C-alpha atoms as a PDB file:
ATOM      1  CA  UNK A   1     -36.934   3.693  36.823  1.00  0.00           C
ATOM      2  CA  UNK A   2     -33.344   3.919  35.594  1.00  0.00           C
ATOM      3  CA  UNK A   3     -30.686   2.276  37.709  1.00  0.00           C
ATOM      4  CA  UNK A   4     -27.273   3.323  36.428  1.00  0.00           C
ATOM      5  CA  UNK A   5     -23.816   1.963  37.221  1.00  0.00           C
ATOM      6  CA  UNK A   6     -21.266   4.750  36.887  1.00  0.00           C
ATOM      7  CA  UNK A   7     -17.938   3.116  36.266  1.00  0.00           C
ATOM      8  CA  UNK A   8     -14.294   4.027  35.990  1.00  0.00           C
ATOM      9  CA  UNK A   9     -10.939   3.985  37.703  1.00  0.00           C
ATOM     10  CA  UNK A  10     -10.377   5.941  40.919  1.00  0.00           C
ATOM     11  CA  UNK A  11     -10.278   9.628  39.953  1.00  0.00           C
ATOM     12  CA  UNK A  12     -12.219   9.199  36.703  1.00  0.00           C
ATOM     13  CA  UNK A  13     -14.951  11.640  37.764  1.00  0.00           C
ATOM     14  CA  UNK A  14     -17.651   9.228  38.961  1.00  0.00           C
ATOM     15  CA  UNK A  15     -18.587  11.424  41.934  1.00  0.00           C
ATOM     16  CA  UNK A  16     -18.668  14.620  39.877  1.00  0.00           C
ATOM     17  CA  UNK A  17     -20.826  13.070  37.151  1.00  0.00           C
ATOM     18  CA  UNK A  18     -23.073  11.431  39.761  1.00  0.00           C
ATOM     19  CA  UNK A  19     -23.772  14.834  41.349  1.00  0.00           C
ATOM     20  CA  UNK A  20     -24.695  16.307  37.954  1.00  0.00           C
ATOM     21  CA  UNK A  21     -26.950  13.319  37.126  1.00  0.00           C
ATOM     22  CA  UNK A  22     -28.713  13.606  40.493  1.00  0.00           C
ATOM     23  CA  UNK A  23     -29.373  17.322  39.938  1.00  0.00           C
ATOM     24  CA  UNK A  24     -30.748  16.794  36.425  1.00  0.00           C
ATOM     25  CA  UNK A  25     -32.668  13.514  36.741  1.00  0.00           C
ATOM     26  CA  UNK A  26     -33.529  13.247  40.445  1.00  0.00           C
ATOM     27  CA  UNK A  27     -31.920   9.843  40.875  1.00  0.00           C
ATOM     28  CA  UNK A  28     -30.877   8.484  44.242  1.00  0.00           C
ATOM     29  CA  UNK A  29     -27.159   7.862  44.799  1.00  0.00           C
ATOM     30  CA  UNK A  30     -25.265   5.047  46.437  1.00  0.00           C
ATOM     31  CA  UNK A  31     -21.558   5.752  46.674  1.00  0.00           C
ATOM     32  CA  UNK A  32     -19.862   2.834  48.347  1.00  0.00           C
ATOM     33  CA  UNK A  33     -16.953   5.137  49.176  1.00  0.00           C
ATOM     34  CA  UNK A  34     -19.233   7.634  50.961  1.00  0.00           C
ATOM     35  CA  UNK A  35     -21.109   4.859  52.792  1.00  0.00           C
ATOM     36  CA  UNK A  36     -17.859   3.272  53.963  1.00  0.00           C
ATOM     37  CA  UNK A  37     -16.214   6.589  54.943  1.00  0.00           C
ATOM     38  CA  UNK A  38     -19.308   7.408  57.039  1.00  0.00           C
ATOM     39  CA  UNK A  39     -19.025   4.050  58.831  1.00  0.00           C
ATOM     40  CA  UNK A  40     -15.271   4.503  59.368  1.00  0.00           C
ATOM     41  CA  UNK A  41     -15.745   8.013  60.742  1.00  0.00           C
ATOM     42  CA  UNK A  42     -18.462   6.784  63.106  1.00  0.00           C
ATOM     43  CA  UNK A  43     -16.139   4.017  64.292  1.00  0.00           C
ATOM     44  CA  UNK A  44     -18.755   1.310  63.762  1.00  0.00           C
ATOM     45  CA  UNK A  45     -17.781  -2.356  63.653  1.00  0.00           C
ATOM     46  CA  UNK A  46     -18.294  -2.266  59.874  1.00  0.00           C
ATOM     47  CA  UNK A  47     -16.144   0.869  59.656  1.00  0.00           C
ATOM     48  CA  UNK A  48     -13.265  -0.682  61.579  1.00  0.00           C
ATOM     49  CA  UNK A  49     -13.415  -3.831  59.423  1.00  0.00           C
ATOM     50  CA  UNK A  50     -13.702  -1.824  56.196  1.00  0.00           C
ATOM     51  CA  UNK A  51     -10.817   0.446  57.155  1.00  0.00           C
ATOM     52  CA  UNK A  52      -8.467  -2.542  57.443  1.00  0.00           C
ATOM     53  CA  UNK A  53      -9.132  -3.363  53.785  1.00  0.00           C
ATOM     54  CA  UNK A  54      -9.198   0.226  52.483  1.00  0.00           C
ATOM     55  CA  UNK A  55      -5.972   1.315  54.181  1.00  0.00           C
ATOM     56  CA  UNK A  56      -4.206  -1.529  52.362  1.00  0.00           C
ATOM     57  CA  UNK A  57      -5.763  -0.593  49.001  1.00  0.00           C
ATOM     58  CA  UNK A  58      -7.927  -3.756  49.009  1.00  0.00           C
ATOM     59  CA  UNK A  59     -11.599  -4.295  48.171  1.00  0.00           C
ATOM     60  CA  UNK A  60     -14.286  -4.908  50.806  1.00  0.00           C
ATOM     61  CA  UNK A  61     -15.630  -8.522  50.804  1.00  0.00           C
ATOM     62  CA  UNK A  62     -18.583  -8.961  48.428  1.00  0.00           C
ATOM     63  CA  UNK A  63     -21.116 -10.297  50.941  1.00  0.00           C
ATOM     64  CA  UNK A  64     -20.545  -7.309  53.199  1.00  0.00           C
ATOM     65  CA  UNK A  65     -20.972  -4.800  50.354  1.00  0.00           C
ATOM     66  CA  UNK A  66     -24.145  -6.426  48.975  1.00  0.00           C
ATOM     67  CA  UNK A  67     -25.771  -6.386  52.410  1.00  0.00           C
ATOM     68  CA  UNK A  68     -24.892  -2.710  52.835  1.00  0.00           C
ATOM     69  CA  UNK A  69     -26.153  -1.798  49.355  1.00  0.00           C
ATOM     70  CA  UNK A  70     -29.403  -3.727  49.737  1.00  0.00           C
ATOM     71  CA  UNK A  71     -30.142  -1.866  52.984  1.00  0.00           C
ATOM     72  CA  UNK A  72     -29.395   1.531  51.438  1.00  0.00           C
ATOM     73  CA  UNK A  73     -31.334   0.705  48.245  1.00  0.00           C
ATOM     74  CA  UNK A  74     -34.378  -0.440  50.228  1.00  0.00           C
ATOM     75  CA  UNK A  75     -34.253   2.741  52.336  1.00  0.00           C
ATOM     76  CA  UNK A  76     -35.250   4.743  49.207  1.00  0.00           C
ATOM     77  CA  UNK A  77     -38.653   3.028  49.120  1.00  0.00           C
ATOM     78  CA  UNK A  78     -40.378   1.850  45.962  1.00  0.00           C
ATOM     79  CA  UNK A  79     -41.231   5.254  44.454  1.00  0.00           C
ATOM     80  CA  UNK A  80     -37.879   6.548  43.215  1.00  0.00           C
ATOM     81  CA  UNK A  81     -36.666   7.437  39.706  1.00  0.00           C
ATOM     82  CA  UNK A  82     -33.677   5.123  39.949  1.00  0.00           C
ATOM     83  CA  UNK A  83     -30.295   4.862  41.610  1.00  0.00           C
ATOM     84  CA  UNK A  84     -26.754   5.651  40.565  1.00  0.00           C
ATOM     85  CA  UNK A  85     -24.381   2.959  41.775  1.00  0.00           C
ATOM     86  CA  UNK A  86     -21.049   4.732  42.209  1.00  0.00           C
ATOM     87  CA  UNK A  87     -18.048   2.562  43.070  1.00  0.00           C
ATOM     88  CA  UNK A  88     -19.981  -0.690  42.861  1.00  0.00           C
ATOM     89  CA  UNK A  89     -19.793  -3.274  41.428  1.00  0.00           C
ATOM     90  CA  UNK A  90     -16.024  -3.689  41.281  1.00  0.00           C
ATOM     91  CA  UNK A  91     -15.848  -7.378  40.394  1.00  0.00           C
ATOM     92  CA  UNK A  92     -17.861  -9.775  38.229  1.00  0.00           C
ATOM     93  CA  UNK A  93     -19.249 -11.629  41.296  1.00  0.00           C
ATOM     94  CA  UNK A  94     -20.414  -8.237  42.662  1.00  0.00           C
ATOM     95  CA  UNK A  95     -22.075  -7.408  39.316  1.00  0.00           C
ATOM     96  CA  UNK A  96     -23.882 -10.744  39.395  1.00  0.00           C
ATOM     97  CA  UNK A  97     -24.910 -10.198  43.031  1.00  0.00           C
ATOM     98  CA  UNK A  98     -26.194  -6.670  42.228  1.00  0.00           C
ATOM     99  CA  UNK A  99     -28.158  -8.016  39.257  1.00  0.00           C
ATOM    100  CA  UNK A 100     -29.720 -10.680  41.514  1.00  0.00           C
ATOM    101  CA  UNK A 101     -30.437  -8.224  44.353  1.00  0.00           C
ATOM    102  CA  UNK A 102     -32.250  -5.898  41.940  1.00  0.00           C
ATOM    103  CA  UNK A 103     -34.093  -8.775  40.212  1.00  0.00           C
ATOM    104  CA  UNK A 104     -35.455  -9.873  43.611  1.00  0.00           C
ATOM    105  CA  UNK A 105     -37.098  -6.423  43.749  1.00  0.00           C
ATOM    106  CA  UNK A 106     -38.312  -6.526  40.140  1.00  0.00           C
ATOM    107  CA  UNK A 107     -35.665  -3.997  39.052  1.00  0.00           C
ATOM    108  CA  UNK A 108     -32.595  -4.039  36.829  1.00  0.00           C
ATOM    109  CA  UNK A 109     -29.645  -1.973  35.610  1.00  0.00           C
ATOM    110  CA  UNK A 110     -30.506   0.300  32.656  1.00  0.00           C
ATOM    111  CA  UNK A 111     -26.904   1.168  31.738  1.00  0.00           C
ATOM    112  CA  UNK A 112     -23.302   0.943  32.812  1.00  0.00           C
ATOM    113  CA  UNK A 113     -21.530   4.198  31.948  1.00  0.00           C
ATOM    114  CA  UNK A 114     -17.744   3.863  31.778  1.00  0.00           C
ATOM    115  CA  UNK A 115     -15.725   7.063  32.272  1.00  0.00           C
ATOM    116  CA  UNK A 116     -12.388   6.363  30.582  1.00  0.00           C
ATOM    117  CA  UNK A 117      -9.453   8.569  31.671  1.00  0.00           C
ATOM    118  CA  UNK A 118      -5.707   8.109  30.932  1.00  0.00           C
ATOM    119  CA  UNK A 119      -3.718   6.788  33.898  1.00  0.00           C
ATOM    120  CA  UNK A 120      -1.336   9.767  34.152  1.00  0.00           C
ATOM    121  CA  UNK A 121      -4.365  12.066  34.465  1.00  0.00           C
ATOM    122  CA  UNK A 122      -5.878   9.795  37.139  1.00  0.00           C
ATOM    123  CA  UNK A 123      -2.672  10.068  39.207  1.00  0.00           C
ATOM    124  CA  UNK A 124      -2.705  13.887  38.934  1.00  0.00           C
ATOM    125  CA  UNK A 125      -6.367  14.119  39.888  1.00  0.00           C
ATOM    126  CA  UNK A 126      -6.049  11.785  42.884  1.00  0.00           C
ATOM    127  CA  UNK A 127      -2.897  13.399  44.259  1.00  0.00           C
ATOM    128  CA  UNK A 128      -4.551  16.833  43.970  1.00  0.00           C
ATOM    129  CA  UNK A 129      -7.732  15.499  45.600  1.00  0.00           C
ATOM    130  CA  UNK A 130      -5.659  14.143  48.474  1.00  0.00           C
ATOM    131  CA  UNK A 131      -4.024  17.535  49.003  1.00  0.00           C
ATOM    132  CA  UNK A 132      -7.375  19.354  48.874  1.00  0.00           C
ATOM    133  CA  UNK A 133      -9.503  16.938  50.908  1.00  0.00           C
ATOM    134  CA  UNK A 134      -6.963  15.335  53.204  1.00  0.00           C
ATOM    135  CA  UNK A 135      -8.177  11.850  52.188  1.00  0.00           C
ATOM    136  CA  UNK A 136      -5.571   9.451  53.502  1.00  0.00           C
ATOM    137  CA  UNK A 137      -6.132   6.992  50.637  1.00  0.00           C
ATOM    138  CA  UNK A 138      -5.125   9.617  48.030  1.00  0.00           C
ATOM    139  CA  UNK A 139      -1.346   9.253  48.357  1.00  0.00           C
ATOM    140  CA  UNK A 140       0.915   7.975  45.580  1.00  0.00           C
ATOM    141  CA  UNK A 141       1.625   4.532  47.058  1.00  0.00           C
ATOM    142  CA  UNK A 142      -2.021   3.755  47.831  1.00  0.00           C
ATOM    143  CA  UNK A 143      -3.166   5.237  44.498  1.00  0.00           C
ATOM    144  CA  UNK A 144      -0.839   2.861  42.633  1.00  0.00           C
ATOM    145  CA  UNK A 145      -2.280  -0.084  44.595  1.00  0.00           C
ATOM    146  CA  UNK A 146      -5.835   1.089  43.906  1.00  0.00           C
ATOM    147  CA  UNK A 147      -5.131   1.418  40.172  1.00  0.00           C
ATOM    148  CA  UNK A 148      -3.554  -2.066  40.117  1.00  0.00           C
ATOM    149  CA  UNK A 149      -6.656  -3.470  41.846  1.00  0.00           C
ATOM    150  CA  UNK A 150      -8.830  -1.615  39.325  1.00  0.00           C
ATOM    151  CA  UNK A 151      -6.959  -3.017  36.303  1.00  0.00           C
ATOM    152  CA  UNK A 152      -6.747  -6.570  37.653  1.00  0.00           C
ATOM    153  CA  UNK A 153     -10.130  -6.994  39.368  1.00  0.00           C
ATOM    154  CA  UNK A 154     -12.485  -4.254  38.184  1.00  0.00           C
ATOM    155  CA  UNK A 155     -11.711  -3.598  34.504  1.00  0.00           C
ATOM    156  CA  UNK A 156     -12.945  -7.113  33.497  1.00  0.00           C
ATOM    157  CA  UNK A 157     -16.446  -5.792  34.274  1.00  0.00           C
ATOM    158  CA  UNK A 158     -16.301  -3.838  31.029  1.00  0.00           C
ATOM    159  CA  UNK A 159     -16.533  -7.067  29.027  1.00  0.00           C
ATOM    160  CA  UNK A 160     -19.178  -8.478  31.409  1.00  0.00           C
ATOM    161  CA  UNK A 161     -21.412  -5.428  30.880  1.00  0.00           C
ATOM    162  CA  UNK A 162     -20.772  -5.562  27.114  1.00  0.00           C
ATOM    163  CA  UNK A 163     -22.127  -9.133  27.128  1.00  0.00           C
ATOM    164  CA  UNK A 164     -25.160  -7.847  29.059  1.00  0.00           C
ATOM    165  CA  UNK A 165     -25.574  -5.140  26.328  1.00  0.00           C
ATOM    166  CA  UNK A 166     -25.444  -2.430  29.015  1.00  0.00           C
ATOM    167  CA  UNK A 167     -21.947  -0.945  28.497  1.00  0.00           C
ATOM    168  CA  UNK A 168     -21.570   2.670  27.318  1.00  0.00           C
ATOM    169  CA  UNK A 169     -18.065   4.119  26.879  1.00  0.00           C
ATOM    170  CA  UNK A 170     -17.515   7.832  27.586  1.00  0.00           C
ATOM    171  CA  UNK A 171     -14.224   9.700  27.103  1.00  0.00           C
ATOM    172  CA  UNK A 172     -13.845  11.048  30.661  1.00  0.00           C
ATOM    173  CA  UNK A 173     -10.923  13.346  29.846  1.00  0.00           C
ATOM    174  CA  UNK A 174     -11.503  16.923  28.793  1.00  0.00           C
ATOM    175  CA  UNK A 175     -14.314  19.424  29.104  1.00  0.00           C
ATOM    176  CA  UNK A 176     -16.717  18.691  31.977  1.00  0.00           C
ATOM    177  CA  UNK A 177     -19.772  19.955  30.063  1.00  0.00           C
ATOM    178  CA  UNK A 178     -18.958  17.739  27.053  1.00  0.00           C
ATOM    179  CA  UNK A 179     -18.501  14.695  29.309  1.00  0.00           C
ATOM    180  CA  UNK A 180     -21.825  15.373  31.049  1.00  0.00           C
ATOM    181  CA  UNK A 181     -23.601  15.872  27.703  1.00  0.00           C
ATOM    182  CA  UNK A 182     -22.305  12.453  26.615  1.00  0.00           C
ATOM    183  CA  UNK A 183     -23.546  10.927  29.903  1.00  0.00           C
ATOM    184  CA  UNK A 184     -26.980  12.546  29.449  1.00  0.00           C
ATOM    185  CA  UNK A 185     -27.183  11.182  25.917  1.00  0.00           C
ATOM    186  CA  UNK A 186     -26.764   7.653  27.289  1.00  0.00           C
ATOM    187  CA  UNK A 187     -29.303   8.131  30.101  1.00  0.00           C
ATOM    188  CA  UNK A 188     -31.929   9.623  27.817  1.00  0.00           C
ATOM    189  CA  UNK A 189     -31.569   6.826  25.275  1.00  0.00           C
ATOM    190  CA  UNK A 190     -31.812   3.768  27.540  1.00  0.00           C
END
């Protein structure tokens, strides 16, 4: 079983690479963004609460996210090839909580794959995504807030995962096939 954290700033290609990994390796996928958008769309209590944070470019409280992830993870049963964690963890306390949640199940993280993309490219990608998908959180003001949150709260995870000997840096700018080949190289060698 290979549990993978796919990591990077908003717009770095985590969703695209996750889809390719799922197709090739048959891993399950937990995208916190997808889970939260589903709850928001359904108008659930969680969705309403989450939307208050998201619309202000803020992170969802840790306890809430861990509970959600544990439920989704457990729904896959015990006979899966592994899970891609996409958009989580975003803080060191979340990384520690994820490590503990998996350890309680006798599992762990095999690798954290960081997709590194220059900030000007991230802005272009997110603004284009907003135009194409109509996602309300892909506007310039909110994108800037999200990137600030990423740099201040999420980027420190890189050093945390380095200390855990799980960090793998990938240049996430350029040819999609080359990026995916680099990702596959990491997965096949952990």
